[in-house]
């Protein structure tokens, strides 16, 4: 069973905070009283790829032919994965999916001025 869920904005994405894990356990314990909470495994944390404006970066990486980015989906990665996959497939094959309407998002900020639009 997987018990998860907390987002924290921290300048040190590699810092593991046991107190956060303990808070998740304390919140879940009443709902799963039969669980063996003392023998937990795979406690971990990790940074999420996020963009300042909340929009994903999908498109060619400026200055690096053949590299296509598909990142920065914030907390919507699983929900946006099918559409992102279709967008990236269209970019790589040159056959865009007509059911998708690109929003004009450019892979740009800090990545160079020759960014492509998707």
N, C-alpha and C. Protein backbone atom coordinates (compact mmCIF):
# COMPACT_ATOMS: atom_id res chain seq x y z
N UNK A 1 0.84 -1.16 0.00
CA UNK A 1 0.00 0.00 0.00
C UNK A 1 0.89 1.23 0.00
N UNK A 2 0.45 2.24 -0.68
CA UNK A 2 1.19 3.50 -0.74
C UNK A 2 0.38 4.58 -0.05
N UNK A 3 1.00 5.26 0.87
CA UNK A 3 0.39 6.40 1.54
C UNK A 3 1.28 7.58 1.22
N UNK A 4 0.71 8.60 0.63
CA UNK A 4 1.55 9.70 0.18
C UNK A 4 0.81 11.01 0.22
N UNK A 5 1.56 12.06 0.08
CA UNK A 5 0.99 13.30 -0.28
C UNK A 5 1.26 14.53 0.53
N UNK A 6 2.27 15.23 0.19
CA UNK A 6 2.49 16.53 0.78
C UNK A 6 3.41 17.28 -0.17
N UNK A 7 3.13 18.53 -0.36
CA UNK A 7 3.99 19.34 -1.20
C UNK A 7 4.57 20.45 -0.36
N UNK A 8 5.85 20.61 -0.48
CA UNK A 8 6.54 21.63 0.31
C UNK A 8 7.45 22.41 -0.61
N UNK A 9 7.44 23.70 -0.48
CA UNK A 9 8.32 24.55 -1.26
C UNK A 9 9.53 24.87 -0.39
N UNK A 10 10.68 24.39 -0.82
CA UNK A 10 11.90 24.50 -0.02
C UNK A 10 13.06 24.81 -0.96
N UNK A 11 13.98 25.60 -0.51
CA UNK A 11 15.15 25.92 -1.34
C UNK A 11 16.11 24.76 -1.45
N UNK A 12 15.99 23.77 -0.59
CA UNK A 12 16.88 22.61 -0.61
C UNK A 12 16.06 21.37 -0.97
N UNK A 13 15.97 21.04 -2.27
CA UNK A 13 15.12 19.93 -2.68
C UNK A 13 15.63 18.55 -2.26
N UNK A 14 16.86 18.48 -1.79
CA UNK A 14 17.43 17.19 -1.38
C UNK A 14 17.31 16.92 0.11
N UNK A 15 16.77 17.86 0.86
CA UNK A 15 16.66 17.68 2.30
C UNK A 15 15.48 16.77 2.63
N UNK A 16 15.73 15.71 3.33
CA UNK A 16 14.68 14.79 3.75
C UNK A 16 14.21 15.21 5.12
N UNK A 17 12.92 15.42 5.27
CA UNK A 17 12.35 15.85 6.55
C UNK A 17 11.51 14.72 7.13
N UNK A 18 12.04 14.04 8.12
CA UNK A 18 11.32 12.95 8.76
C UNK A 18 10.03 13.45 9.39
N UNK A 19 10.02 14.69 9.86
CA UNK A 19 8.81 15.23 10.49
C UNK A 19 7.64 15.27 9.51
N UNK A 20 7.92 15.46 8.23
CA UNK A 20 6.86 15.46 7.21
C UNK A 20 6.29 14.06 7.04
N UNK A 21 7.16 13.05 7.01
CA UNK A 21 6.71 11.66 6.91
C UNK A 21 5.87 11.31 8.13
N UNK A 22 6.34 11.70 9.29
CA UNK A 22 5.60 11.43 10.53
C UNK A 22 4.21 12.08 10.50
N UNK A 23 4.10 13.27 9.92
CA UNK A 23 2.80 13.94 9.83
C UNK A 23 1.85 13.18 8.90
N UNK A 24 2.38 12.64 7.81
CA UNK A 24 1.55 11.85 6.88
C UNK A 24 1.07 10.57 7.58
N UNK A 25 1.97 9.93 8.30
CA UNK A 25 1.61 8.71 9.03
C UNK A 25 0.53 9.02 10.07
N UNK A 26 0.71 10.09 10.81
CA UNK A 26 -0.27 10.45 11.84
C UNK A 26 -1.64 10.73 11.23
N UNK A 27 -1.66 11.36 10.05
CA UNK A 27 -2.93 11.66 9.40
C UNK A 27 -3.60 10.41 8.85
N UNK A 28 -2.80 9.44 8.38
CA UNK A 28 -3.36 8.22 7.77
C UNK A 28 -3.73 7.15 8.79
N UNK A 29 -3.05 7.15 9.92
CA UNK A 29 -3.24 6.10 10.92
C UNK A 29 -4.70 5.84 11.31
N UNK A 30 -5.52 6.86 11.55
CA UNK A 30 -6.91 6.59 11.94
C UNK A 30 -7.73 5.88 10.85
N UNK A 31 -7.35 6.05 9.61
CA UNK A 31 -8.08 5.45 8.50
C UNK A 31 -7.63 4.04 8.18
N UNK A 32 -6.44 3.69 8.65
CA UNK A 32 -5.87 2.36 8.40
C UNK A 32 -5.34 1.78 9.71
N UNK A 33 -6.21 1.53 10.68
CA UNK A 33 -5.76 1.09 12.00
C UNK A 33 -5.07 -0.27 12.00
N UNK A 34 -5.33 -1.11 11.01
CA UNK A 34 -4.73 -2.45 10.94
C UNK A 34 -3.32 -2.44 10.35
N UNK A 35 -2.90 -1.32 9.76
CA UNK A 35 -1.59 -1.26 9.11
C UNK A 35 -0.46 -1.35 10.12
N UNK A 36 0.65 -1.94 9.70
CA UNK A 36 1.84 -2.04 10.53
C UNK A 36 2.69 -0.79 10.32
N UNK A 37 2.35 0.27 11.00
CA UNK A 37 3.00 1.56 10.80
C UNK A 37 4.44 1.60 11.29
N UNK A 38 4.82 0.66 12.12
CA UNK A 38 6.19 0.67 12.66
C UNK A 38 7.20 0.05 11.70
N UNK A 39 6.74 -0.67 10.70
CA UNK A 39 7.65 -1.32 9.75
C UNK A 39 7.43 -0.78 8.34
N UNK A 40 7.52 0.53 8.22
CA UNK A 40 7.33 1.18 6.92
C UNK A 40 8.57 0.99 6.05
N UNK A 41 8.36 1.01 4.75
CA UNK A 41 9.47 0.89 3.80
C UNK A 41 9.39 2.01 2.77
N UNK A 42 10.49 2.28 2.18
CA UNK A 42 10.59 3.20 1.05
C UNK A 42 10.06 4.60 1.36
N UNK A 43 10.46 5.14 2.48
CA UNK A 43 10.12 6.52 2.75
C UNK A 43 11.04 7.38 1.90
N UNK A 44 10.47 8.27 1.14
CA UNK A 44 11.29 9.09 0.26
C UNK A 44 10.62 10.42 -0.04
N UNK A 45 11.39 11.28 -0.62
CA UNK A 45 10.89 12.56 -1.09
C UNK A 45 11.66 12.90 -2.34
N UNK A 46 11.13 13.79 -3.11
CA UNK A 46 11.83 14.19 -4.32
C UNK A 46 11.28 15.48 -4.88
N UNK A 47 12.12 16.17 -5.61
CA UNK A 47 11.67 17.43 -6.20
C UNK A 47 10.69 17.18 -7.35
N UNK A 48 9.80 18.11 -7.56
CA UNK A 48 8.87 18.06 -8.69
C UNK A 48 9.32 19.09 -9.72
N UNK A 49 9.30 18.71 -10.99
CA UNK A 49 9.62 19.72 -12.00
C UNK A 49 8.47 20.71 -12.11
N UNK A 50 8.75 21.95 -11.84
CA UNK A 50 7.70 22.97 -11.87
C UNK A 50 8.20 24.19 -12.63
N UNK A 51 7.28 24.88 -13.24
CA UNK A 51 7.59 26.13 -13.91
C UNK A 51 6.95 27.27 -13.13
N UNK A 52 7.47 28.45 -13.31
CA UNK A 52 6.97 29.61 -12.55
C UNK A 52 5.52 29.93 -12.88
N UNK A 53 5.13 29.72 -14.13
CA UNK A 53 3.76 30.08 -14.53
C UNK A 53 2.79 28.90 -14.51
N UNK A 54 3.27 27.72 -14.12
CA UNK A 54 2.40 26.57 -14.00
C UNK A 54 2.13 25.83 -15.30
N UNK A 55 2.67 26.31 -16.41
CA UNK A 55 2.47 25.65 -17.69
C UNK A 55 3.66 24.75 -18.01
N UNK A 56 3.41 23.58 -18.60
CA UNK A 56 4.53 22.69 -18.94
C UNK A 56 5.37 23.25 -20.09
N UNK A 57 6.59 22.77 -20.16
CA UNK A 57 7.49 23.08 -21.27
C UNK A 57 7.46 21.88 -22.21
N UNK A 58 6.92 22.07 -23.38
CA UNK A 58 6.83 20.99 -24.36
C UNK A 58 7.30 21.56 -25.69
N UNK A 59 8.39 21.02 -26.21
CA UNK A 59 8.87 21.48 -27.50
C UNK A 59 10.37 21.30 -27.63
N UNK A 60 10.90 21.70 -28.79
CA UNK A 60 12.34 21.55 -29.05
C UNK A 60 13.17 22.39 -28.08
N UNK A 61 14.29 21.85 -27.65
CA UNK A 61 15.21 22.58 -26.78
C UNK A 61 16.09 23.46 -27.66
N UNK A 62 16.00 24.77 -27.49
CA UNK A 62 16.78 25.68 -28.34
C UNK A 62 18.28 25.37 -28.29
N UNK A 63 18.88 25.32 -29.47
CA UNK A 63 20.31 25.08 -29.57
C UNK A 63 20.71 23.62 -29.51
N UNK A 64 19.75 22.73 -29.38
CA UNK A 64 20.04 21.30 -29.28
C UNK A 64 19.12 20.52 -30.22
N UNK A 65 19.48 20.45 -31.49
CA UNK A 65 18.63 19.74 -32.45
C UNK A 65 18.38 18.30 -32.02
N UNK A 66 17.18 17.86 -32.17
CA UNK A 66 16.84 16.48 -31.83
C UNK A 66 16.45 16.27 -30.39
N UNK A 67 16.51 17.31 -29.56
CA UNK A 67 16.10 17.18 -28.15
C UNK A 67 14.75 17.87 -27.99
N UNK A 68 13.78 17.12 -27.49
CA UNK A 68 12.45 17.66 -27.25
C UNK A 68 12.15 17.56 -25.76
N UNK A 69 11.74 18.67 -25.17
CA UNK A 69 11.38 18.69 -23.75
C UNK A 69 9.90 18.38 -23.56
N UNK A 70 9.62 17.69 -22.51
CA UNK A 70 8.23 17.45 -22.08
C UNK A 70 8.29 17.36 -20.56
N UNK A 71 8.31 18.52 -19.92
CA UNK A 71 8.53 18.58 -18.47
C UNK A 71 7.75 19.74 -17.86
N UNK A 72 7.79 19.81 -16.55
CA UNK A 72 7.19 20.93 -15.85
C UNK A 72 5.68 20.87 -15.76
N UNK A 73 5.14 19.68 -15.64
CA UNK A 73 3.68 19.52 -15.58
C UNK A 73 3.14 19.78 -14.17
N UNK A 74 4.01 20.22 -13.29
CA UNK A 74 3.64 20.48 -11.90
C UNK A 74 2.99 19.23 -11.30
N UNK A 75 1.83 19.30 -10.77
CA UNK A 75 1.21 18.13 -10.15
C UNK A 75 0.21 17.46 -11.09
N UNK A 76 0.28 17.76 -12.37
CA UNK A 76 -0.68 17.23 -13.32
C UNK A 76 -0.06 16.27 -14.32
N UNK A 77 1.11 15.75 -14.02
CA UNK A 77 1.83 14.90 -14.95
C UNK A 77 1.04 13.70 -15.43
N UNK A 78 0.40 12.98 -14.53
CA UNK A 78 -0.36 11.79 -14.94
C UNK A 78 -1.57 12.18 -15.79
N UNK A 79 -2.23 13.25 -15.43
CA UNK A 79 -3.42 13.65 -16.19
C UNK A 79 -3.06 14.20 -17.57
N UNK A 80 -1.91 14.87 -17.67
CA UNK A 80 -1.52 15.47 -18.94
C UNK A 80 -0.66 14.54 -19.79
N UNK A 81 -0.29 13.38 -19.27
CA UNK A 81 0.60 12.47 -20.00
C UNK A 81 0.06 12.07 -21.37
N UNK A 82 -1.20 11.68 -21.51
CA UNK A 82 -1.67 11.28 -22.84
C UNK A 82 -1.57 12.41 -23.87
N UNK A 83 -2.01 13.61 -23.52
CA UNK A 83 -1.94 14.73 -24.46
C UNK A 83 -0.49 15.12 -24.74
N UNK A 84 0.35 15.09 -23.71
CA UNK A 84 1.76 15.41 -23.91
C UNK A 84 2.40 14.39 -24.85
N UNK A 85 2.09 13.12 -24.64
CA UNK A 85 2.62 12.08 -25.52
C UNK A 85 2.22 12.29 -26.97
N UNK A 86 0.97 12.70 -27.18
CA UNK A 86 0.51 12.94 -28.55
C UNK A 86 1.20 14.18 -29.14
N UNK A 87 1.40 15.21 -28.32
CA UNK A 87 2.12 16.40 -28.80
C UNK A 87 3.56 16.05 -29.19
N UNK A 88 4.24 15.34 -28.32
CA UNK A 88 5.64 14.98 -28.58
C UNK A 88 5.74 14.06 -29.80
N UNK A 89 4.82 13.13 -29.92
CA UNK A 89 4.81 12.25 -31.09
C UNK A 89 4.68 13.07 -32.37
N UNK A 90 3.78 14.04 -32.35
CA UNK A 90 3.61 14.91 -33.51
C UNK A 90 4.86 15.70 -33.82
N UNK A 91 5.54 16.19 -32.78
CA UNK A 91 6.78 16.94 -32.98
C UNK A 91 7.87 16.06 -33.58
N UNK A 92 7.96 14.83 -33.11
CA UNK A 92 9.02 13.94 -33.57
C UNK A 92 8.75 13.36 -34.96
N UNK A 93 7.49 13.15 -35.29
CA UNK A 93 7.16 12.54 -36.58
C UNK A 93 6.81 13.56 -37.65
N UNK A 94 6.57 14.80 -37.24
CA UNK A 94 6.14 15.82 -38.19
C UNK A 94 4.68 15.69 -38.57
N UNK A 95 3.94 14.86 -37.82
CA UNK A 95 2.52 14.65 -38.08
C UNK A 95 1.73 15.03 -36.83
N UNK A 96 1.40 16.31 -36.68
CA UNK A 96 0.69 16.73 -35.46
C UNK A 96 -0.68 16.10 -35.35
N UNK A 97 -1.10 15.90 -34.13
CA UNK A 97 -2.42 15.36 -33.83
C UNK A 97 -3.43 16.49 -33.99
N UNK A 98 -4.33 16.38 -34.95
CA UNK A 98 -5.29 17.44 -35.22
C UNK A 98 -6.31 17.66 -34.10
N UNK A 99 -6.41 16.70 -33.19
CA UNK A 99 -7.37 16.86 -32.09
C UNK A 99 -6.83 17.76 -30.99
N UNK A 100 -5.54 18.11 -31.07
CA UNK A 100 -4.93 18.97 -30.07
C UNK A 100 -4.77 20.37 -30.63
N UNK A 101 -5.08 21.36 -29.82
CA UNK A 101 -4.90 22.74 -30.22
C UNK A 101 -3.79 23.34 -29.37
N UNK A 102 -2.60 23.51 -29.94
CA UNK A 102 -1.50 24.08 -29.16
C UNK A 102 -1.85 25.47 -28.65
N UNK A 103 -1.37 25.77 -27.45
CA UNK A 103 -1.68 27.06 -26.84
C UNK A 103 -0.65 28.12 -27.08
N UNK A 104 0.31 27.88 -27.93
CA UNK A 104 1.32 28.89 -28.23
C UNK A 104 2.42 28.96 -27.19
N UNK A 105 2.49 27.97 -26.31
CA UNK A 105 3.53 27.95 -25.28
C UNK A 105 4.89 27.78 -25.93
N UNK A 106 5.82 28.63 -25.61
CA UNK A 106 7.17 28.53 -26.16
C UNK A 106 8.11 27.95 -25.13
N UNK A 107 9.00 27.11 -25.58
CA UNK A 107 10.08 26.65 -24.72
C UNK A 107 11.09 27.77 -24.79
N UNK A 108 11.12 28.60 -23.80
CA UNK A 108 11.89 29.81 -23.90
C UNK A 108 12.64 30.17 -22.64
N UNK A 109 12.03 30.78 -21.71
CA UNK A 109 12.64 31.44 -20.56
C UNK A 109 13.93 30.79 -20.11
N UNK A 110 15.01 31.50 -20.36
CA UNK A 110 16.31 31.04 -19.91
C UNK A 110 16.90 29.94 -20.78
N UNK A 111 16.21 29.60 -21.84
CA UNK A 111 16.69 28.51 -22.69
C UNK A 111 17.18 29.01 -24.04
N UNK A 112 17.14 30.29 -24.29
CA UNK A 112 17.61 30.83 -25.56
C UNK A 112 16.49 31.53 -26.31
N UNK A 113 16.86 32.28 -27.33
CA UNK A 113 15.87 33.07 -28.04
C UNK A 113 15.28 32.36 -29.24
N UNK A 114 15.83 31.23 -29.65
CA UNK A 114 15.33 30.54 -30.85
C UNK A 114 14.36 29.43 -30.50
N UNK A 115 13.60 29.62 -29.45
CA UNK A 115 12.70 28.58 -28.99
C UNK A 115 11.56 28.34 -29.97
N UNK A 116 11.19 27.07 -30.11
CA UNK A 116 10.06 26.72 -30.96
C UNK A 116 8.76 26.85 -30.21
N UNK A 117 7.71 27.04 -30.92
CA UNK A 117 6.38 27.13 -30.30
C UNK A 117 5.67 25.79 -30.45
N UNK A 118 4.92 25.46 -29.43
CA UNK A 118 4.12 24.23 -29.47
C UNK A 118 2.69 24.55 -29.12
